[in-house]
Amino acid sequence: MGPLNVPGVEERIDPSTGRTFYIDHVNKRTTWEDPRQVPPAACGDAGRARRALPHPLPSRAHAIPAGH
């Protein structure tokens, strides 16, 4: 898949699993699901709840510094 190009979203790798996860700096959330593949109908609070991580990421992976 091409560049992320989703405003406010950053792509990272979880060092413990090697899986890609995404940080939504606007909504202060993390997800395993690629935001480029989320159907429009899944948007909104219900969609975000379905996409939430089943367990927390390592603390350094999901800590979002203020102002970013």
PDB file of N, CA and C in Angstrom:
ATOM      1  N   MET A   1       0.859  -1.171   0.000  1.00  0.00           N
ATOM      2  CA  MET A   1       0.000   0.000   0.000  1.00  0.00           C
ATOM      3  C   MET A   1       0.902   1.229   0.000  1.00  0.00           C
ATOM      4  N   GLY A   2       0.427   2.309  -0.522  1.00  0.00           N
ATOM      5  CA  GLY A   2       1.216   3.523  -0.664  1.00  0.00           C
ATOM      6  C   GLY A   2       1.381   4.289   0.635  1.00  0.00           C
ATOM      7  N   PRO A   3       1.793   5.563   0.511  1.00  0.00           N
ATOM      8  CA  PRO A   3       2.003   6.397   1.692  1.00  0.00           C
ATOM      9  C   PRO A   3       0.732   6.531   2.523  1.00  0.00           C
ATOM     10  N   LEU A   4       0.900   6.770   3.802  1.00  0.00           N
ATOM     11  CA  LEU A   4      -0.247   6.853   4.711  1.00  0.00           C
ATOM     12  C   LEU A   4      -1.175   8.012   4.329  1.00  0.00           C
ATOM     13  N   ASN A   5      -0.638   9.235   4.200  1.00  0.00           N
ATOM     14  CA  ASN A   5      -1.429  10.402   3.770  1.00  0.00           C
ATOM     15  C   ASN A   5      -2.759  10.557   4.489  1.00  0.00           C
ATOM     16  N   VAL A   6      -2.791  10.293   5.782  1.00  0.00           N
ATOM     17  CA  VAL A   6      -3.983  10.512   6.603  1.00  0.00           C
ATOM     18  C   VAL A   6      -3.596  11.587   7.617  1.00  0.00           C
ATOM     19  N   PRO A   7      -4.188  12.790   7.513  1.00  0.00           N
ATOM     20  CA  PRO A   7      -3.793  13.885   8.405  1.00  0.00           C
ATOM     21  C   PRO A   7      -3.910  13.500   9.881  1.00  0.00           C
ATOM     22  N   GLY A   8      -2.856  13.768  10.635  1.00  0.00           N
ATOM     23  CA  GLY A   8      -2.876  13.526  12.073  1.00  0.00           C
ATOM     24  C   GLY A   8      -2.637  12.087  12.482  1.00  0.00           C
ATOM     25  N   VAL A   9      -2.360  11.191  11.518  1.00  0.00           N
ATOM     26  CA  VAL A   9      -2.151   9.778  11.842  1.00  0.00           C
ATOM     27  C   VAL A   9      -0.717   9.392  11.504  1.00  0.00           C
ATOM     28  N   GLU A  10      -0.098   8.689  12.433  1.00  0.00           N
ATOM     29  CA  GLU A  10       1.282   8.247  12.281  1.00  0.00           C
ATOM     30  C   GLU A  10       1.332   6.724  12.304  1.00  0.00           C
ATOM     31  N   GLU A  11       2.167   6.160  11.462  1.00  0.00           N
ATOM     32  CA  GLU A  11       2.335   4.709  11.389  1.00  0.00           C
ATOM     33  C   GLU A  11       3.602   4.322  12.152  1.00  0.00           C
ATOM     34  N   ARG A  12       3.502   3.287  12.999  1.00  0.00           N
ATOM     35  CA  ARG A  12       4.665   2.808  13.767  1.00  0.00           C
ATOM     36  C   ARG A  12       4.670   1.287  13.791  1.00  0.00           C
ATOM     37  N   ILE A  13       5.790   0.720  14.227  1.00  0.00           N
ATOM     38  CA  ILE A  13       5.929  -0.726  14.389  1.00  0.00           C
ATOM     39  C   ILE A  13       6.028  -1.034  15.878  1.00  0.00           C
ATOM     40  N   ASP A  14       5.222  -1.990  16.352  1.00  0.00           N
ATOM     41  CA  ASP A  14       5.298  -2.448  17.737  1.00  0.00           C
ATOM     42  C   ASP A  14       6.545  -3.329  17.845  1.00  0.00           C
ATOM     43  N   PRO A  15       7.551  -2.913  18.627  1.00  0.00           N
ATOM     44  CA  PRO A  15       8.797  -3.671  18.680  1.00  0.00           C
ATOM     45  C   PRO A  15       8.646  -5.071  19.265  1.00  0.00           C
ATOM     46  N   SER A  16       7.634  -5.287  20.087  1.00  0.00           N
ATOM     47  CA  SER A  16       7.489  -6.611  20.697  1.00  0.00           C
ATOM     48  C   SER A  16       6.833  -7.623  19.762  1.00  0.00           C
ATOM     49  N   THR A  17       6.041  -7.143  18.792  1.00  0.00           N
ATOM     50  CA  THR A  17       5.342  -8.067  17.885  1.00  0.00           C
ATOM     51  C   THR A  17       5.746  -7.905  16.428  1.00  0.00           C
ATOM     52  N   GLY A  18       6.313  -6.742  16.094  1.00  0.00           N
ATOM     53  CA  GLY A  18       6.645  -6.459  14.701  1.00  0.00           C
ATOM     54  C   GLY A  18       5.445  -6.005  13.885  1.00  0.00           C
ATOM     55  N   ARG A  19       4.282  -5.896  14.526  1.00  0.00           N
ATOM     56  CA  ARG A  19       3.067  -5.468  13.823  1.00  0.00           C
ATOM     57  C   ARG A  19       3.038  -3.953  13.667  1.00  0.00           C
ATOM     58  N   THR A  20       2.443  -3.517  12.572  1.00  0.00           N
ATOM     59  CA  THR A  20       2.246  -2.091  12.334  1.00  0.00           C
ATOM     60  C   THR A  20       1.013  -1.629  13.108  1.00  0.00           C
ATOM     61  N   PHE A  21       1.123  -0.470  13.755  1.00  0.00           N
ATOM     62  CA  PHE A  21      -0.045   0.139  14.391  1.00  0.00           C
ATOM     63  C   PHE A  21      -0.064   1.606  14.009  1.00  0.00           C
ATOM     64  N   TYR A  22      -1.165   2.257  14.300  1.00  0.00           N
ATOM     65  CA  TYR A  22      -1.386   3.633  13.867  1.00  0.00           C
ATOM     66  C   TYR A  22      -1.755   4.491  15.063  1.00  0.00           C
ATOM     67  N   ILE A  23      -1.161   5.688  15.127  1.00  0.00           N
ATOM     68  CA  ILE A  23      -1.441   6.648  16.189  1.00  0.00           C
ATOM     69  C   ILE A  23      -2.237   7.790  15.582  1.00  0.00           C
ATOM     70  N   ASP A  24      -3.439   7.990  16.080  1.00  0.00           N
ATOM     71  CA  ASP A  24      -4.293   9.101  15.665  1.00  0.00           C
ATOM     72  C   ASP A  24      -4.056  10.223  16.671  1.00  0.00           C
ATOM     73  N   HIS A  25      -3.229  11.192  16.290  1.00  0.00           N
ATOM     74  CA  HIS A  25      -2.879  12.286  17.189  1.00  0.00           C
ATOM     75  C   HIS A  25      -4.049  13.238  17.415  1.00  0.00           C
ATOM     76  N   VAL A  26      -4.974  13.303  16.490  1.00  0.00           N
ATOM     77  CA  VAL A  26      -6.128  14.198  16.613  1.00  0.00           C
ATOM     78  C   VAL A  26      -7.073  13.695  17.702  1.00  0.00           C
ATOM     79  N   ASN A  27      -7.416  12.399  17.648  1.00  0.00           N
ATOM     80  CA  ASN A  27      -8.361  11.813  18.606  1.00  0.00           C
ATOM     81  C   ASN A  27      -7.675  11.114  19.774  1.00  0.00           C
ATOM     82  N   LYS A  28      -6.324  11.139  19.789  1.00  0.00           N
ATOM     83  CA  LYS A  28      -5.539  10.526  20.866  1.00  0.00           C
ATOM     84  C   LYS A  28      -5.899   9.052  21.053  1.00  0.00           C
ATOM     85  N   ARG A  29      -5.854   8.298  19.944  1.00  0.00           N
ATOM     86  CA  ARG A  29      -6.171   6.870  19.963  1.00  0.00           C
ATOM     87  C   ARG A  29      -5.118   6.102  19.175  1.00  0.00           C
ATOM     88  N   THR A  30      -5.027   4.812  19.465  1.00  0.00           N
ATOM     89  CA  THR A  30      -4.174   3.925  18.677  1.00  0.00           C
ATOM     90  C   THR A  30      -5.026   2.784  18.135  1.00  0.00           C
ATOM     91  N   THR A  31      -4.589   2.212  17.021  1.00  0.00           N
ATOM     92  CA  THR A  31      -5.322   1.111  16.415  1.00  0.00           C
ATOM     93  C   THR A  31      -4.369   0.231  15.612  1.00  0.00           C
ATOM     94  N   TRP A  32      -4.715  -1.029  15.495  1.00  0.00           N
ATOM     95  CA  TRP A  32      -3.969  -1.949  14.631  1.00  0.00           C
ATOM     96  C   TRP A  32      -4.475  -1.824  13.195  1.00  0.00           C
ATOM     97  N   GLU A  33      -5.680  -1.321  13.012  1.00  0.00           N
ATOM     98  CA  GLU A  33      -6.321  -1.288  11.702  1.00  0.00           C
ATOM     99  C   GLU A  33      -5.836  -0.099  10.879  1.00  0.00           C
ATOM    100  N   ASP A  34      -5.408  -0.373   9.659  1.00  0.00           N
ATOM    101  CA  ASP A  34      -4.914   0.657   8.751  1.00  0.00           C
ATOM    102  C   ASP A  34      -6.056   1.621   8.427  1.00  0.00           C
ATOM    103  N   PRO A  35      -5.914   2.917   8.734  1.00  0.00           N
ATOM    104  CA  PRO A  35      -7.002   3.860   8.490  1.00  0.00           C
ATOM    105  C   PRO A  35      -7.348   4.025   7.011  1.00  0.00           C
ATOM    106  N   ARG A  36      -6.456   3.619   6.120  1.00  0.00           N
ATOM    107  CA  ARG A  36      -6.758   3.686   4.689  1.00  0.00           C
ATOM    108  C   ARG A  36      -7.730   2.592   4.279  1.00  0.00           C
ATOM    109  N   GLN A  37      -7.919   1.581   5.112  1.00  0.00           N
ATOM    110  CA  GLN A  37      -8.786   0.455   4.768  1.00  0.00           C
ATOM    111  C   GLN A  37     -10.095   0.462   5.539  1.00  0.00           C
ATOM    112  N   VAL A  38     -10.330   1.464   6.382  1.00  0.00           N
ATOM    113  CA  VAL A  38     -11.559   1.542   7.168  1.00  0.00           C
ATOM    114  C   VAL A  38     -12.678   2.045   6.277  1.00  0.00           C
ATOM    115  N   PRO A  39     -13.771   1.266   6.137  1.00  0.00           N
ATOM    116  CA  PRO A  39     -14.881   1.727   5.302  1.00  0.00           C
ATOM    117  C   PRO A  39     -15.528   2.967   5.898  1.00  0.00           C
ATOM    118  N   PRO A  40     -16.027   3.879   5.055  1.00  0.00           N
ATOM    119  CA  PRO A  40     -16.646   5.115   5.552  1.00  0.00           C
ATOM    120  C   PRO A  40     -17.760   4.871   6.557  1.00  0.00           C
ATOM    121  N   ALA A  41     -18.501   3.780   6.436  1.00  0.00           N
ATOM    122  CA  ALA A  41     -19.603   3.491   7.358  1.00  0.00           C
ATOM    123  C   ALA A  41     -19.101   3.232   8.771  1.00  0.00           C
ATOM    124  N   ALA A  42     -17.823   2.900   8.932  1.00  0.00           N
ATOM    125  CA  ALA A  42     -17.272   2.606  10.253  1.00  0.00           C
ATOM    126  C   ALA A  42     -16.815   3.866  10.975  1.00  0.00           C
ATOM    127  N   CYS A  43     -16.955   5.018  10.363  1.00  0.00           N
ATOM    128  CA  CYS A  43     -16.536   6.255  10.994  1.00  0.00           C
ATOM    129  C   CYS A  43     -17.474   6.607  12.139  1.00  0.00           C
ATOM    130  N   GLY A  44     -17.019   7.472  13.012  1.00  0.00           N
ATOM    131  CA  GLY A  44     -17.817   7.855  14.168  1.00  0.00           C
ATOM    132  C   GLY A  44     -17.444   7.018  15.378  1.00  0.00           C
ATOM    133  N   ASP A  45     -18.079   7.289  16.507  1.00  0.00           N
ATOM    134  CA  ASP A  45     -17.726   6.617  17.759  1.00  0.00           C
ATOM    135  C   ASP A  45     -17.872   5.106  17.687  1.00  0.00           C
ATOM    136  N   ALA A  46     -18.922   4.603  17.065  1.00  0.00           N
ATOM    137  CA  ALA A  46     -19.115   3.150  16.985  1.00  0.00           C
ATOM    138  C   ALA A  46     -17.982   2.506  16.197  1.00  0.00           C
ATOM    139  N   GLY A  47     -17.567   3.142  15.106  1.00  0.00           N
ATOM    140  CA  GLY A  47     -16.472   2.599  14.308  1.00  0.00           C
ATOM    141  C   GLY A  47     -15.165   2.614  15.063  1.00  0.00           C
ATOM    142  N   ARG A  48     -14.917   3.690  15.792  1.00  0.00           N
ATOM    143  CA  ARG A  48     -13.682   3.760  16.574  1.00  0.00           C
ATOM    144  C   ARG A  48     -13.671   2.700  17.658  1.00  0.00           C
ATOM    145  N   ALA A  49     -14.803   2.437  18.273  1.00  0.00           N
ATOM    146  CA  ALA A  49     -14.859   1.415  19.319  1.00  0.00           C
ATOM    147  C   ALA A  49     -14.526   0.044  18.744  1.00  0.00           C
ATOM    148  N   ARG A  50     -15.010  -0.254  17.543  1.00  0.00           N
ATOM    149  CA  ARG A  50     -14.728  -1.558  16.930  1.00  0.00           C
ATOM    150  C   ARG A  50     -13.257  -1.682  16.566  1.00  0.00           C
ATOM    151  N   ARG A  51     -12.599  -0.563  16.257  1.00  0.00           N
ATOM    152  CA  ARG A  51     -11.215  -0.599  15.822  1.00  0.00           C
ATOM    153  C   ARG A  51     -10.231  -0.488  16.974  1.00  0.00           C
ATOM    154  N   ALA A  52     -10.696  -0.281  18.189  1.00  0.00           N
ATOM    155  CA  ALA A  52      -9.800  -0.083  19.321  1.00  0.00           C
ATOM    156  C   ALA A  52      -8.925  -1.310  19.535  1.00  0.00           C
ATOM    157  N   LEU A  53      -7.755  -1.078  20.038  1.00  0.00           N
ATOM    158  CA  LEU A  53      -6.829  -2.179  20.285  1.00  0.00           C
ATOM    159  C   LEU A  53      -7.387  -3.108  21.358  1.00  0.00           C
ATOM    160  N   PRO A  54      -7.198  -4.412  21.193  1.00  0.00           N
ATOM    161  CA  PRO A  54      -7.690  -5.359  22.190  1.00  0.00           C
ATOM    162  C   PRO A  54      -6.900  -5.306  23.487  1.00  0.00           C
ATOM    163  N   HIS A  55      -5.691  -4.777  23.447  1.00  0.00           N
ATOM    164  CA  HIS A  55      -4.861  -4.627  24.639  1.00  0.00           C
ATOM    165  C   HIS A  55      -3.955  -3.422  24.420  1.00  0.00           C
ATOM    166  N   PRO A  56      -3.454  -2.839  25.493  1.00  0.00           N
ATOM    167  CA  PRO A  56      -2.611  -1.655  25.325  1.00  0.00           C
ATOM    168  C   PRO A  56      -1.297  -1.986  24.638  1.00  0.00           C
ATOM    169  N   LEU A  57      -0.789  -1.028  23.906  1.00  0.00           N
ATOM    170  CA  LEU A  57       0.528  -1.155  23.298  1.00  0.00           C
ATOM    171  C   LEU A  57       1.578  -0.880  24.370  1.00  0.00           C
ATOM    172  N   PRO A  58       2.819  -1.229  24.109  1.00  0.00           N
ATOM    173  CA  PRO A  58       3.871  -0.876  25.069  1.00  0.00           C
ATOM    174  C   PRO A  58       3.823   0.613  25.359  1.00  0.00           C
ATOM    175  N   SER A  59       4.083   1.014  26.587  1.00  0.00           N
ATOM    176  CA  SER A  59       3.895   2.403  26.995  1.00  0.00           C
ATOM    177  C   SER A  59       4.628   3.390  26.109  1.00  0.00           C
ATOM    178  N   ARG A  60       5.813   3.084  25.646  1.00  0.00           N
ATOM    179  CA  ARG A  60       6.519   4.042  24.809  1.00  0.00           C
ATOM    180  C   ARG A  60       5.897   4.138  23.416  1.00  0.00           C
ATOM    181  N   ALA A  61       5.127   3.129  23.012  1.00  0.00           N
ATOM    182  CA  ALA A  61       4.532   3.145  21.677  1.00  0.00           C
ATOM    183  C   ALA A  61       3.291   4.013  21.617  1.00  0.00           C
ATOM    184  N   HIS A  62       2.505   4.086  22.712  1.00  0.00           N
ATOM    185  CA  HIS A  62       1.261   4.845  22.592  1.00  0.00           C
ATOM    186  C   HIS A  62       1.287   6.153  23.354  1.00  0.00           C
ATOM    187  N   ALA A  63       2.393   6.483  23.985  1.00  0.00           N
ATOM    188  CA  ALA A  63       2.486   7.779  24.645  1.00  0.00           C
ATOM    189  C   ALA A  63       2.622   8.849  23.568  1.00  0.00           C
ATOM    190  N   ILE A  64       1.723   9.812  23.590  1.00  0.00           N
ATOM    191  CA  ILE A  64       1.728  10.880  22.587  1.00  0.00           C
ATOM    192  C   ILE A  64       2.130  12.165  23.289  1.00  0.00           C
ATOM    193  N   PRO A  65       3.295  12.689  22.963  1.00  0.00           N
ATOM    194  CA  PRO A  65       3.729  13.939  23.617  1.00  0.00           C
ATOM    195  C   PRO A  65       2.777  15.080  23.290  1.00  0.00           C
ATOM    196  N   ALA A  66       2.591  15.961  24.240  1.00  0.00           N
ATOM    197  CA  ALA A  66       1.717  17.116  24.027  1.00  0.00           C
ATOM    198  C   ALA A  66       2.263  17.958  22.868  1.00  0.00           C
ATOM    199  N   GLY A  67       1.355  18.459  22.064  1.00  0.00           N
ATOM    200  CA  GLY A  67       1.749  19.309  20.946  1.00  0.00           C
ATOM    201  C   GLY A  67       2.066  18.576  19.674  1.00  0.00           C
ATOM    202  N   HIS A  68       1.900  17.260  19.646  1.00  0.00           N
ATOM    203  CA  HIS A  68       2.175  16.490  18.422  1.00  0.00           C
ATOM    204  C   HIS A  68       0.892  15.977  17.844  1.00  0.00           C
TER     205      HIS A  68
END
